[in-house]
Full PDB file with SEQRES, HELIX, SHEET, SSBOND, CRYST1, ORIGX, SCALE, CONECT and MASTER records, all heavy atoms in Angstrom:
SEQRES   1 A   41  SER GLU GLY GLU GLN ALA PHE ARG ARG LEU ALA THR ALA          
SEQRES   2 A   41  VAL ALA LYS PHE GLN VAL CYS LYS ARG GLY PRO GLU HIS          
SEQRES   3 A   41  ALA TYR GLU ALA LEU GLU CYS LEU GLY GLY ASN GLY TYR          
SEQRES   4 A   41  THR GLU                                                      
HELIX    1 AA1 GLU A    2  CYS A   33  1                                  32    
HELIX    2 AA2 ASN A   37  TYR A   39  5                                   3    
CRYST1    1.000    1.000    1.000  90.00  90.00  90.00 P 1           1          
ORIGX1      1.000000  0.000000  0.000000        0.00000                         
ORIGX2      0.000000  1.000000  0.000000        0.00000                         
ORIGX3      0.000000  0.000000  1.000000        0.00000                         
SCALE1      1.000000  0.000000  0.000000        0.00000                         
SCALE2      0.000000  1.000000  0.000000        0.00000                         
SCALE3      0.000000  0.000000  1.000000        0.00000                         
ATOM      1  N   SER A   1      95.500  82.236 115.734  1.00  0.00           N  
ATOM      2  CA  SER A   1      96.473  82.133 114.755  1.00  0.00           C  
ATOM      3  C   SER A   1      97.282  83.414 114.617  1.00  0.00           C  
ATOM      4  O   SER A   1      96.787  84.489 115.179  1.00  0.00           O  
ATOM      5  CB  SER A   1      95.870  81.686 113.439  1.00  0.00           C  
ATOM      6  OG  SER A   1      94.944  82.773 113.016  1.00  0.00           O  
ATOM      7  N   GLU A   2      98.355  83.513 113.783  1.00  0.00           N  
ATOM      8  CA  GLU A   2      98.964  84.778 113.521  1.00  0.00           C  
ATOM      9  C   GLU A   2      98.007  85.728 112.948  1.00  0.00           C  
ATOM     10  O   GLU A   2      97.997  86.920 113.162  1.00  0.00           O  
ATOM     11  CB  GLU A   2     100.113  84.513 112.596  1.00  0.00           C  
ATOM     12  CG  GLU A   2     101.307  83.834 113.343  1.00  0.00           C  
ATOM     13  CD  GLU A   2     102.497  83.830 112.383  1.00  0.00           C  
ATOM     14  OE1 GLU A   2     102.465  84.335 111.337  1.00  0.00           O  
ATOM     15  OE2 GLU A   2     103.547  83.049 112.902  1.00  0.00           O  
ATOM     16  N   GLY A   3      97.087  85.239 112.026  1.00  0.00           N  
ATOM     17  CA  GLY A   3      96.045  86.112 111.334  1.00  0.00           C  
ATOM     18  C   GLY A   3      95.069  86.703 112.352  1.00  0.00           C  
ATOM     19  O   GLY A   3      94.767  87.843 112.318  1.00  0.00           O  
ATOM     20  N   GLU A   4      94.591  85.792 113.321  1.00  0.00           N  
ATOM     21  CA  GLU A   4      93.830  86.314 114.410  1.00  0.00           C  
ATOM     22  C   GLU A   4      94.404  87.313 115.359  1.00  0.00           C  
ATOM     23  O   GLU A   4      93.906  88.267 115.773  1.00  0.00           O  
ATOM     24  CB  GLU A   4      93.380  85.155 115.241  1.00  0.00           C  
ATOM     25  CG  GLU A   4      92.230  84.383 114.589  1.00  0.00           C  
ATOM     26  CD  GLU A   4      90.850  85.135 114.646  1.00  0.00           C  
ATOM     27  OE1 GLU A   4      90.126  85.075 115.685  1.00  0.00           O  
ATOM     28  OE2 GLU A   4      90.573  85.798 113.610  1.00  0.00           O  
ATOM     29  N   GLN A   5      95.686  87.168 115.586  1.00  0.00           N  
ATOM     30  CA  GLN A   5      96.414  88.063 116.354  1.00  0.00           C  
ATOM     31  C   GLN A   5      96.611  89.416 115.790  1.00  0.00           C  
ATOM     32  O   GLN A   5      96.541  90.458 116.291  1.00  0.00           O  
ATOM     33  CB  GLN A   5      97.782  87.525 116.787  1.00  0.00           C  
ATOM     34  CG  GLN A   5      97.790  86.309 117.851  1.00  0.00           C  
ATOM     35  CD  GLN A   5      99.054  85.644 118.019  1.00  0.00           C  
ATOM     36  OE1 GLN A   5      99.961  86.424 118.437  1.00  0.00           O  
ATOM     37  NE2 GLN A   5      99.135  84.414 117.855  1.00  0.00           N  
ATOM     38  N   ALA A   6      96.908  89.402 114.390  1.00  0.00           N  
ATOM     39  CA  ALA A   6      96.877  90.642 113.709  1.00  0.00           C  
ATOM     40  C   ALA A   6      95.585  91.325 113.556  1.00  0.00           C  
ATOM     41  O   ALA A   6      95.508  92.493 113.703  1.00  0.00           O  
ATOM     42  CB  ALA A   6      97.456  90.279 112.231  1.00  0.00           C  
ATOM     43  N   PHE A   7      94.493  90.547 113.362  1.00  0.00           N  
ATOM     44  CA  PHE A   7      93.200  91.107 113.461  1.00  0.00           C  
ATOM     45  C   PHE A   7      92.859  91.737 114.674  1.00  0.00           C  
ATOM     46  O   PHE A   7      92.361  92.930 114.725  1.00  0.00           O  
ATOM     47  CB  PHE A   7      92.242  90.052 113.155  1.00  0.00           C  
ATOM     48  CG  PHE A   7      90.710  90.346 113.500  1.00  0.00           C  
ATOM     49  CD1 PHE A   7      89.945  91.153 112.672  1.00  0.00           C  
ATOM     50  CD2 PHE A   7      90.239  89.797 114.630  1.00  0.00           C  
ATOM     51  CE1 PHE A   7      88.702  91.522 113.093  1.00  0.00           C  
ATOM     52  CE2 PHE A   7      88.884  90.088 115.045  1.00  0.00           C  
ATOM     53  CZ  PHE A   7      88.144  91.013 114.242  1.00  0.00           C  
ATOM     54  N   ARG A   8      93.199  91.175 115.871  1.00  0.00           N  
ATOM     55  CA  ARG A   8      92.809  91.814 117.041  1.00  0.00           C  
ATOM     56  C   ARG A   8      93.615  93.061 117.404  1.00  0.00           C  
ATOM     57  O   ARG A   8      93.174  93.946 118.061  1.00  0.00           O  
ATOM     58  CB  ARG A   8      92.882  90.743 118.260  1.00  0.00           C  
ATOM     59  CG  ARG A   8      94.366  90.485 118.724  1.00  0.00           C  
ATOM     60  CD  ARG A   8      94.410  89.386 119.659  1.00  0.00           C  
ATOM     61  NE  ARG A   8      95.728  89.172 120.295  1.00  0.00           N  
ATOM     62  CZ  ARG A   8      96.380  88.105 120.838  1.00  0.00           C  
ATOM     63  NH1 ARG A   8      95.543  87.079 120.799  1.00  0.00           N  
ATOM     64  NH2 ARG A   8      97.447  88.150 121.466  1.00  0.00           N  
ATOM     65  N   ARG A   9      94.784  93.092 116.857  1.00  0.00           N  
ATOM     66  CA  ARG A   9      95.618  94.259 117.077  1.00  0.00           C  
ATOM     67  C   ARG A   9      94.944  95.550 116.573  1.00  0.00           C  
ATOM     68  O   ARG A   9      94.989  96.630 117.258  1.00  0.00           O  
ATOM     69  CB  ARG A   9      97.002  94.147 116.404  1.00  0.00           C  
ATOM     70  CG  ARG A   9      97.875  95.457 116.276  1.00  0.00           C  
ATOM     71  CD  ARG A   9      98.421  95.775 117.824  1.00  0.00           C  
ATOM     72  NE  ARG A   9      99.223  96.917 117.939  1.00  0.00           N  
ATOM     73  CZ  ARG A   9      98.716  98.121 118.124  1.00  0.00           C  
ATOM     74  NH1 ARG A   9      97.348  98.278 118.536  1.00  0.00           N  
ATOM     75  NH2 ARG A   9      99.461  99.251 118.235  1.00  0.00           N  
ATOM     76  N   LEU A  10      94.294  95.500 115.294  1.00  0.00           N  
ATOM     77  CA  LEU A  10      93.658  96.656 114.851  1.00  0.00           C  
ATOM     78  C   LEU A  10      92.158  96.678 115.375  1.00  0.00           C  
ATOM     79  O   LEU A  10      91.556  97.762 115.670  1.00  0.00           O  
ATOM     80  CB  LEU A  10      93.607  96.583 113.306  1.00  0.00           C  
ATOM     81  CG  LEU A  10      92.811  97.693 112.547  1.00  0.00           C  
ATOM     82  CD1 LEU A  10      93.342  99.034 112.905  1.00  0.00           C  
ATOM     83  CD2 LEU A  10      92.845  97.478 111.027  1.00  0.00           C  
ATOM     84  N   ALA A  11      91.416  95.577 115.362  1.00  0.00           N  
ATOM     85  CA  ALA A  11      90.093  95.531 115.713  1.00  0.00           C  
ATOM     86  C   ALA A  11      89.794  95.977 117.137  1.00  0.00           C  
ATOM     87  O   ALA A  11      88.844  96.622 117.485  1.00  0.00           O  
ATOM     88  CB  ALA A  11      89.498  94.185 115.477  1.00  0.00           C  
ATOM     89  N   THR A  12      90.735  95.632 118.035  1.00  0.00           N  
ATOM     90  CA  THR A  12      90.627  96.067 119.479  1.00  0.00           C  
ATOM     91  C   THR A  12      90.550  97.681 119.597  1.00  0.00           C  
ATOM     92  O   THR A  12      89.729  98.182 120.278  1.00  0.00           O  
ATOM     93  CB  THR A  12      91.655  95.542 120.349  1.00  0.00           C  
ATOM     94  OG1 THR A  12      91.753  94.111 120.318  1.00  0.00           O  
ATOM     95  CG2 THR A  12      91.452  96.030 121.826  1.00  0.00           C  
ATOM     96  N   ALA A  13      91.469  98.289 118.734  1.00  0.00           N  
ATOM     97  CA  ALA A  13      91.532  99.772 118.740  1.00  0.00           C  
ATOM     98  C   ALA A  13      90.206 100.329 118.292  1.00  0.00           C  
ATOM     99  O   ALA A  13      89.646 101.284 118.800  1.00  0.00           O  
ATOM    100  CB  ALA A  13      92.778 100.186 118.057  1.00  0.00           C  
ATOM    101  N   VAL A  14      89.911  99.888 116.953  1.00  0.00           N  
ATOM    102  CA  VAL A  14      88.736 100.504 116.396  1.00  0.00           C  
ATOM    103  C   VAL A  14      87.396 100.238 117.227  1.00  0.00           C  
ATOM    104  O   VAL A  14      86.621 101.094 117.201  1.00  0.00           O  
ATOM    105  CB  VAL A  14      88.495 100.071 114.893  1.00  0.00           C  
ATOM    106  CG1 VAL A  14      89.777 100.433 114.164  1.00  0.00           C  
ATOM    107  CG2 VAL A  14      88.276  98.630 114.871  1.00  0.00           C  
ATOM    108  N   ALA A  15      87.339  98.990 117.736  1.00  0.00           N  
ATOM    109  CA  ALA A  15      86.184  98.739 118.593  1.00  0.00           C  
ATOM    110  C   ALA A  15      86.121  99.696 119.922  1.00  0.00           C  
ATOM    111  O   ALA A  15      85.102 100.121 120.367  1.00  0.00           O  
ATOM    112  CB  ALA A  15      86.152  97.313 118.984  1.00  0.00           C  
ATOM    113  N   LYS A  16      87.321  99.756 120.606  1.00  0.00           N  
ATOM    114  CA  LYS A  16      87.393 100.634 121.703  1.00  0.00           C  
ATOM    115  C   LYS A  16      87.051 102.023 121.416  1.00  0.00           C  
ATOM    116  O   LYS A  16      86.262 102.605 122.166  1.00  0.00           O  
ATOM    117  CB  LYS A  16      88.977 100.544 122.327  1.00  0.00           C  
ATOM    118  CG  LYS A  16      89.181 101.719 123.178  1.00  0.00           C  
ATOM    119  CD  LYS A  16      88.656 101.421 124.624  1.00  0.00           C  
ATOM    120  CE  LYS A  16      89.257 102.297 125.695  1.00  0.00           C  
ATOM    121  NZ  LYS A  16      89.071 103.662 125.577  1.00  0.00           N  
ATOM    122  N   PHE A  17      87.373 102.553 120.161  1.00  0.00           N  
ATOM    123  CA  PHE A  17      87.129 103.879 119.813  1.00  0.00           C  
ATOM    124  C   PHE A  17      85.574 103.948 119.639  1.00  0.00           C  
ATOM    125  O   PHE A  17      84.974 104.855 120.329  1.00  0.00           O  
ATOM    126  CB  PHE A  17      87.779 104.239 118.557  1.00  0.00           C  
ATOM    127  CG  PHE A  17      87.432 105.600 118.059  1.00  0.00           C  
ATOM    128  CD1 PHE A  17      88.053 106.694 118.467  1.00  0.00           C  
ATOM    129  CD2 PHE A  17      86.361 105.817 117.110  1.00  0.00           C  
ATOM    130  CE1 PHE A  17      87.751 107.988 117.985  1.00  0.00           C  
ATOM    131  CE2 PHE A  17      86.029 107.068 116.620  1.00  0.00           C  
ATOM    132  CZ  PHE A  17      86.759 108.164 117.151  1.00  0.00           C  
ATOM    133  N   GLN A  18      85.007 103.268 118.796  1.00  0.00           N  
ATOM    134  CA  GLN A  18      83.604 103.414 118.476  1.00  0.00           C  
ATOM    135  C   GLN A  18      82.654 102.907 119.505  1.00  0.00           C  
ATOM    136  O   GLN A  18      81.678 103.711 119.842  1.00  0.00           O  
ATOM    137  CB  GLN A  18      83.338 102.644 117.152  1.00  0.00           C  
ATOM    138  CG  GLN A  18      81.813 102.679 116.678  1.00  0.00           C  
ATOM    139  CD  GLN A  18      81.527 104.117 116.060  1.00  0.00           C  
ATOM    140  OE1 GLN A  18      82.395 104.952 116.054  1.00  0.00           O  
ATOM    141  NE2 GLN A  18      80.356 104.327 115.764  1.00  0.00           N  
ATOM    142  N   VAL A  19      82.718 101.812 120.045  1.00  0.00           N  
ATOM    143  CA  VAL A  19      81.736 101.191 120.970  1.00  0.00           C  
ATOM    144  C   VAL A  19      81.824 102.097 122.163  1.00  0.00           C  
ATOM    145  O   VAL A  19      80.695 102.494 122.650  1.00  0.00           O  
ATOM    146  CB  VAL A  19      82.023  99.771 121.231  1.00  0.00           C  
ATOM    147  CG1 VAL A  19      81.246  99.349 122.481  1.00  0.00           C  
ATOM    148  CG2 VAL A  19      81.948  98.887 120.057  1.00  0.00           C  
ATOM    149  N   CYS A  20      83.008 102.455 122.837  1.00  0.00           N  
ATOM    150  CA  CYS A  20      83.007 103.184 123.992  1.00  0.00           C  
ATOM    151  C   CYS A  20      82.537 104.650 123.823  1.00  0.00           C  
ATOM    152  O   CYS A  20      81.976 105.295 124.642  1.00  0.00           O  
ATOM    153  CB  CYS A  20      84.372 103.175 124.538  1.00  0.00           C  
ATOM    154  SG  CYS A  20      84.902 101.495 124.999  1.00  0.00           S  
ATOM    155  N   LYS A  21      82.814 105.208 122.635  1.00  0.00           N  
ATOM    156  CA  LYS A  21      82.333 106.489 122.236  1.00  0.00           C  
ATOM    157  C   LYS A  21      80.852 106.579 122.162  1.00  0.00           C  
ATOM    158  O   LYS A  21      80.139 107.544 122.518  1.00  0.00           O  
ATOM    159  CB  LYS A  21      82.880 106.933 120.813  1.00  0.00           C  
ATOM    160  CG  LYS A  21      84.348 107.476 120.927  1.00  0.00           C  
ATOM    161  CD  LYS A  21      84.274 108.841 121.665  1.00  0.00           C  
ATOM    162  CE  LYS A  21      85.766 109.470 121.617  1.00  0.00           C  
ATOM    163  NZ  LYS A  21      85.829 110.564 122.540  1.00  0.00           N  
ATOM    164  N   ARG A  22      80.161 105.477 121.760  1.00  0.00           N  
ATOM    165  CA  ARG A  22      78.711 105.426 121.683  1.00  0.00           C  
ATOM    166  C   ARG A  22      78.018 105.146 122.952  1.00  0.00           C  
ATOM    167  O   ARG A  22      76.882 105.353 123.079  1.00  0.00           O  
ATOM    168  CB  ARG A  22      78.301 104.312 120.617  1.00  0.00           C  
ATOM    169  CG  ARG A  22      78.748 104.642 119.222  1.00  0.00           C  
ATOM    170  CD  ARG A  22      77.913 105.620 118.494  1.00  0.00           C  
ATOM    171  NE  ARG A  22      76.651 105.147 118.157  1.00  0.00           N  
ATOM    172  CZ  ARG A  22      75.638 105.911 117.633  1.00  0.00           C  
ATOM    173  NH1 ARG A  22      75.908 107.244 117.508  1.00  0.00           N  
ATOM    174  NH2 ARG A  22      74.567 105.381 117.253  1.00  0.00           N  
ATOM    175  N   GLY A  23      78.744 104.831 123.910  1.00  0.00           N  
ATOM    176  CA  GLY A  23      78.122 104.473 125.178  1.00  0.00           C  
ATOM    177  C   GLY A  23      77.480 105.496 126.077  1.00  0.00           C  
ATOM    178  O   GLY A  23      76.297 105.296 126.395  1.00  0.00           O  
ATOM    179  N   PRO A  24      78.025 106.686 126.226  1.00  0.00           N  
ATOM    180  CA  PRO A  24      77.329 107.694 127.098  1.00  0.00           C  
ATOM    181  C   PRO A  24      76.129 108.121 126.366  1.00  0.00           C  
ATOM    182  O   PRO A  24      75.026 108.270 127.041  1.00  0.00           O  
ATOM    183  CB  PRO A  24      78.393 108.843 126.955  1.00  0.00           C  
ATOM    184  CG  PRO A  24      79.698 108.154 126.783  1.00  0.00           C  
ATOM    185  CD  PRO A  24      79.428 107.040 125.958  1.00  0.00           C  
ATOM    186  N   GLU A  25      76.001 108.504 125.011  1.00  0.00           N  
ATOM    187  CA  GLU A  25      74.870 108.902 124.440  1.00  0.00           C  
ATOM    188  C   GLU A  25      73.787 107.729 124.456  1.00  0.00           C  
ATOM    189  O   GLU A  25      72.441 107.983 124.697  1.00  0.00           O  
ATOM    190  CB  GLU A  25      74.990 109.265 122.961  1.00  0.00           C  
ATOM    191  CG  GLU A  25      73.816 109.811 122.202  1.00  0.00           C  
ATOM    192  CD  GLU A  25      74.121 110.172 120.834  1.00  0.00           C  
ATOM    193  OE1 GLU A  25      75.240 109.958 120.287  1.00  0.00           O  
ATOM    194  OE2 GLU A  25      73.110 110.711 120.092  1.00  0.00           O  
ATOM    195  N   HIS A  26      74.155 106.493 124.310  1.00  0.00           N  
ATOM    196  CA  HIS A  26      73.244 105.409 124.404  1.00  0.00           C  
ATOM    197  C   HIS A  26      72.620 105.420 125.805  1.00  0.00           C  
ATOM    198  O   HIS A  26      71.337 105.165 125.910  1.00  0.00           O  
ATOM    199  CB  HIS A  26      74.017 104.082 124.220  1.00  0.00           C  
ATOM    200  CG  HIS A  26      73.206 102.866 124.120  1.00  0.00           C  
ATOM    201  ND1 HIS A  26      72.790 102.215 125.134  1.00  0.00           N  
ATOM    202  CD2 HIS A  26      72.683 102.274 122.942  1.00  0.00           C  
ATOM    203  CE1 HIS A  26      72.066 101.137 124.697  1.00  0.00           C  
ATOM    204  NE2 HIS A  26      71.992 101.182 123.494  1.00  0.00           N  
ATOM    205  N   ALA A  27      73.411 105.556 126.909  1.00  0.00           N  
ATOM    206  CA  ALA A  27      72.972 105.499 128.220  1.00  0.00           C  
ATOM    207  C   ALA A  27      72.001 106.623 128.467  1.00  0.00           C  
ATOM    208  O   ALA A  27      70.882 106.501 129.129  1.00  0.00           O  
ATOM    209  CB  ALA A  27      74.095 105.583 129.147  1.00  0.00           C  
ATOM    210  N   TYR A  28      72.151 107.807 127.851  1.00  0.00           N  
ATOM    211  CA  TYR A  28      71.299 109.016 128.011  1.00  0.00           C  
ATOM    212  C   TYR A  28      70.020 108.700 127.378  1.00  0.00           C  
ATOM    213  O   TYR A  28      68.887 108.947 128.018  1.00  0.00           O  
ATOM    214  CB  TYR A  28      71.925 110.264 127.516  1.00  0.00           C  
ATOM    215  CG  TYR A  28      70.825 111.218 127.185  1.00  0.00           C  
ATOM    216  CD1 TYR A  28      70.070 111.917 128.270  1.00  0.00           C  
ATOM    217  CD2 TYR A  28      70.287 111.515 125.868  1.00  0.00           C  
ATOM    218  CE1 TYR A  28      69.045 112.678 128.022  1.00  0.00           C  
ATOM    219  CE2 TYR A  28      69.202 112.288 125.687  1.00  0.00           C  
ATOM    220  CZ  TYR A  28      68.665 112.840 126.748  1.00  0.00           C  
ATOM    221  OH  TYR A  28      67.530 113.704 126.429  1.00  0.00           O  
ATOM    222  N   GLU A  29      70.026 108.262 126.142  1.00  0.00           N  
ATOM    223  CA  GLU A  29      68.760 108.034 125.385  1.00  0.00           C  
ATOM    224  C   GLU A  29      67.853 106.905 126.105  1.00  0.00           C  
ATOM    225  O   GLU A  29      66.648 107.078 126.164  1.00  0.00           O  
ATOM    226  CB  GLU A  29      68.981 107.506 124.022  1.00  0.00           C  
ATOM    227  CG  GLU A  29      67.929 107.797 123.032  1.00  0.00           C  
ATOM    228  CD  GLU A  29      67.500 109.143 122.737  1.00  0.00           C  
ATOM    229  OE1 GLU A  29      68.359 109.936 122.245  1.00  0.00           O  
ATOM    230  OE2 GLU A  29      66.309 109.585 123.011  1.00  0.00           O  
ATOM    231  N   ALA A  30      68.527 105.887 126.610  1.00  0.00           N  
ATOM    232  CA  ALA A  30      67.822 104.983 127.456  1.00  0.00           C  
ATOM    233  C   ALA A  30      67.177 105.506 128.717  1.00  0.00           C  
ATOM    234  O   ALA A  30      66.126 105.200 129.094  1.00  0.00           O  
ATOM    235  CB  ALA A  30      68.603 103.664 127.800  1.00  0.00           C  
ATOM    236  N   LEU A  31      68.029 106.422 129.340  1.00  0.00           N  
ATOM    237  CA  LEU A  31      67.523 107.000 130.592  1.00  0.00           C  
ATOM    238  C   LEU A  31      66.277 107.807 130.209  1.00  0.00           C  
ATOM    239  O   LEU A  31      65.234 107.806 131.033  1.00  0.00           O  
ATOM    240  CB  LEU A  31      68.562 107.903 131.123  1.00  0.00           C  
ATOM    241  CG  LEU A  31      68.454 108.686 132.379  1.00  0.00           C  
ATOM    242  CD1 LEU A  31      69.732 108.980 133.023  1.00  0.00           C  
ATOM    243  CD2 LEU A  31      67.785 110.077 132.069  1.00  0.00           C  
ATOM    244  N   GLU A  32      66.186 108.525 129.158  1.00  0.00           N  
ATOM    245  CA  GLU A  32      65.112 109.370 128.682  1.00  0.00           C  
ATOM    246  C   GLU A  32      63.756 108.494 128.597  1.00  0.00           C  
ATOM    247  O   GLU A  32      62.710 108.965 128.794  1.00  0.00           O  
ATOM    248  CB  GLU A  32      65.416 110.272 127.566  1.00  0.00           C  
ATOM    249  CG  GLU A  32      64.373 111.209 127.184  1.00  0.00           C  
ATOM    250  CD  GLU A  32      64.745 112.026 125.928  1.00  0.00           C  
ATOM    251  OE1 GLU A  32      65.783 112.619 126.042  1.00  0.00           O  
ATOM    252  OE2 GLU A  32      63.967 111.951 124.955  1.00  0.00           O  
ATOM    253  N   CYS A  33      64.058 107.379 128.138  1.00  0.00           N  
ATOM    254  CA  CYS A  33      62.926 106.382 127.917  1.00  0.00           C  
ATOM    255  C   CYS A  33      62.105 106.087 129.138  1.00  0.00           C  
ATOM    256  O   CYS A  33      60.851 105.999 129.188  1.00  0.00           O  
ATOM    257  CB  CYS A  33      63.326 105.031 127.399  1.00  0.00           C  
ATOM    258  SG  CYS A  33      63.930 105.163 125.681  1.00  0.00           S  
ATOM    259  N   LEU A  34      62.729 106.230 130.337  1.00  0.00           N  
ATOM    260  CA  LEU A  34      62.142 106.148 131.642  1.00  0.00           C  
ATOM    261  C   LEU A  34      61.520 107.430 132.248  1.00  0.00           C  
ATOM    262  O   LEU A  34      61.022 107.523 133.273  1.00  0.00           O  
ATOM    263  CB  LEU A  34      63.121 105.664 132.658  1.00  0.00           C  
ATOM    264  CG  LEU A  34      63.232 104.030 132.787  1.00  0.00           C  
ATOM    265  CD1 LEU A  34      63.843 103.418 131.444  1.00  0.00           C  
ATOM    266  CD2 LEU A  34      64.135 103.634 133.996  1.00  0.00           C  
ATOM    267  N   GLY A  35      61.709 108.551 131.506  1.00  0.00           N  
ATOM    268  CA  GLY A  35      61.212 109.872 131.904  1.00  0.00           C  
ATOM    269  C   GLY A  35      61.917 110.320 133.155  1.00  0.00           C  
ATOM    270  O   GLY A  35      63.163 110.030 133.322  1.00  0.00           O  
ATOM    271  N   GLY A  36      61.078 110.928 134.044  1.00  0.00           N  
ATOM    272  CA  GLY A  36      61.631 111.381 135.285  1.00  0.00           C  
ATOM    273  C   GLY A  36      62.258 110.363 136.129  1.00  0.00           C  
ATOM    274  O   GLY A  36      63.287 110.612 136.896  1.00  0.00           O  
ATOM    275  N   ASN A  37      61.650 109.150 136.137  1.00  0.00           N  
ATOM    276  CA  ASN A  37      62.309 108.075 136.938  1.00  0.00           C  
ATOM    277  C   ASN A  37      63.659 107.719 136.649  1.00  0.00           C  
ATOM    278  O   ASN A  37      64.519 107.372 137.425  1.00  0.00           O  
ATOM    279  CB  ASN A  37      61.382 106.846 136.778  1.00  0.00           C  
ATOM    280  CG  ASN A  37      60.091 106.888 137.571  1.00  0.00           C  
ATOM    281  OD1 ASN A  37      59.808 107.680 138.343  1.00  0.00           O  
ATOM    282  ND2 ASN A  37      59.269 105.824 137.384  1.00  0.00           N  
ATOM    283  N   GLY A  38      63.881 107.790 135.289  1.00  0.00           N  
ATOM    284  CA  GLY A  38      65.365 107.500 134.875  1.00  0.00           C  
ATOM    285  C   GLY A  38      66.382 108.543 135.324  1.00  0.00           C  
ATOM    286  O   GLY A  38      67.559 108.185 135.593  1.00  0.00           O  
ATOM    287  N   TYR A  39      65.811 109.753 135.644  1.00  0.00           N  
ATOM    288  CA  TYR A  39      66.880 110.809 136.237  1.00  0.00           C  
ATOM    289  C   TYR A  39      67.047 110.700 137.640  1.00  0.00           C  
ATOM    290  O   TYR A  39      67.811 111.375 138.226  1.00  0.00           O  
ATOM    291  CB  TYR A  39      66.366 112.086 135.682  1.00  0.00           C  
ATOM    292  CG  TYR A  39      67.418 113.208 135.802  1.00  0.00           C  
ATOM    293  CD1 TYR A  39      68.518 113.128 134.912  1.00  0.00           C  
ATOM    294  CD2 TYR A  39      67.303 114.278 136.729  1.00  0.00           C  
ATOM    295  CE1 TYR A  39      69.466 114.195 134.858  1.00  0.00           C  
ATOM    296  CE2 TYR A  39      68.321 115.201 136.698  1.00  0.00           C  
ATOM    297  CZ  TYR A  39      69.305 115.271 135.835  1.00  0.00           C  
ATOM    298  OH  TYR A  39      70.201 116.140 135.955  1.00  0.00           O  
ATOM    299  N   THR A  40      66.370 109.750 138.347  1.00  0.00           N  
ATOM    300  CA  THR A  40      66.515 109.735 139.742  1.00  0.00           C  
ATOM    301  C   THR A  40      67.462 108.489 140.217  1.00  0.00           C  
ATOM    302  O   THR A  40      67.672 107.597 139.377  1.00  0.00           O  
ATOM    303  CB  THR A  40      65.237 109.327 140.553  1.00  0.00           C  
ATOM    304  OG1 THR A  40      64.811 107.973 140.087  1.00  0.00           O  
ATOM    305  CG2 THR A  40      64.132 110.352 140.015  1.00  0.00           C  
ATOM    306  N   GLU A  41      68.108 108.553 141.345  1.00  0.00           N  
ATOM    307  CA  GLU A  41      69.091 107.604 141.708  1.00  0.00           C  
ATOM    308  C   GLU A  41      68.342 106.273 142.189  1.00  0.00           C  
ATOM    309  O   GLU A  41      68.998 105.368 142.448  1.00  0.00           O  
ATOM    310  CB  GLU A  41      69.878 108.153 142.827  1.00  0.00           C  
ATOM    311  CG  GLU A  41      70.760 109.408 142.382  1.00  0.00           C  
ATOM    312  CD  GLU A  41      71.945 108.929 141.428  1.00  0.00           C  
ATOM    313  OE1 GLU A  41      72.266 107.807 141.419  1.00  0.00           O  
ATOM    314  OE2 GLU A  41      72.411 109.896 140.665  1.00  0.00           O  
TER     315      GLU A  41                                                      
MASTER        0    0    0    2    0    0    0    6  314    1    0    4          
END                                                                             
């Protein structure tokens, strides 16, 4: 609907900002859970 299209116009931007910003730190913390294995290819 027009309301849903208006919602996505703003929500896409704020989600892109926050979710993608949180991605790298999230990956690092998960990597650390595996210890030295996590740091290997």
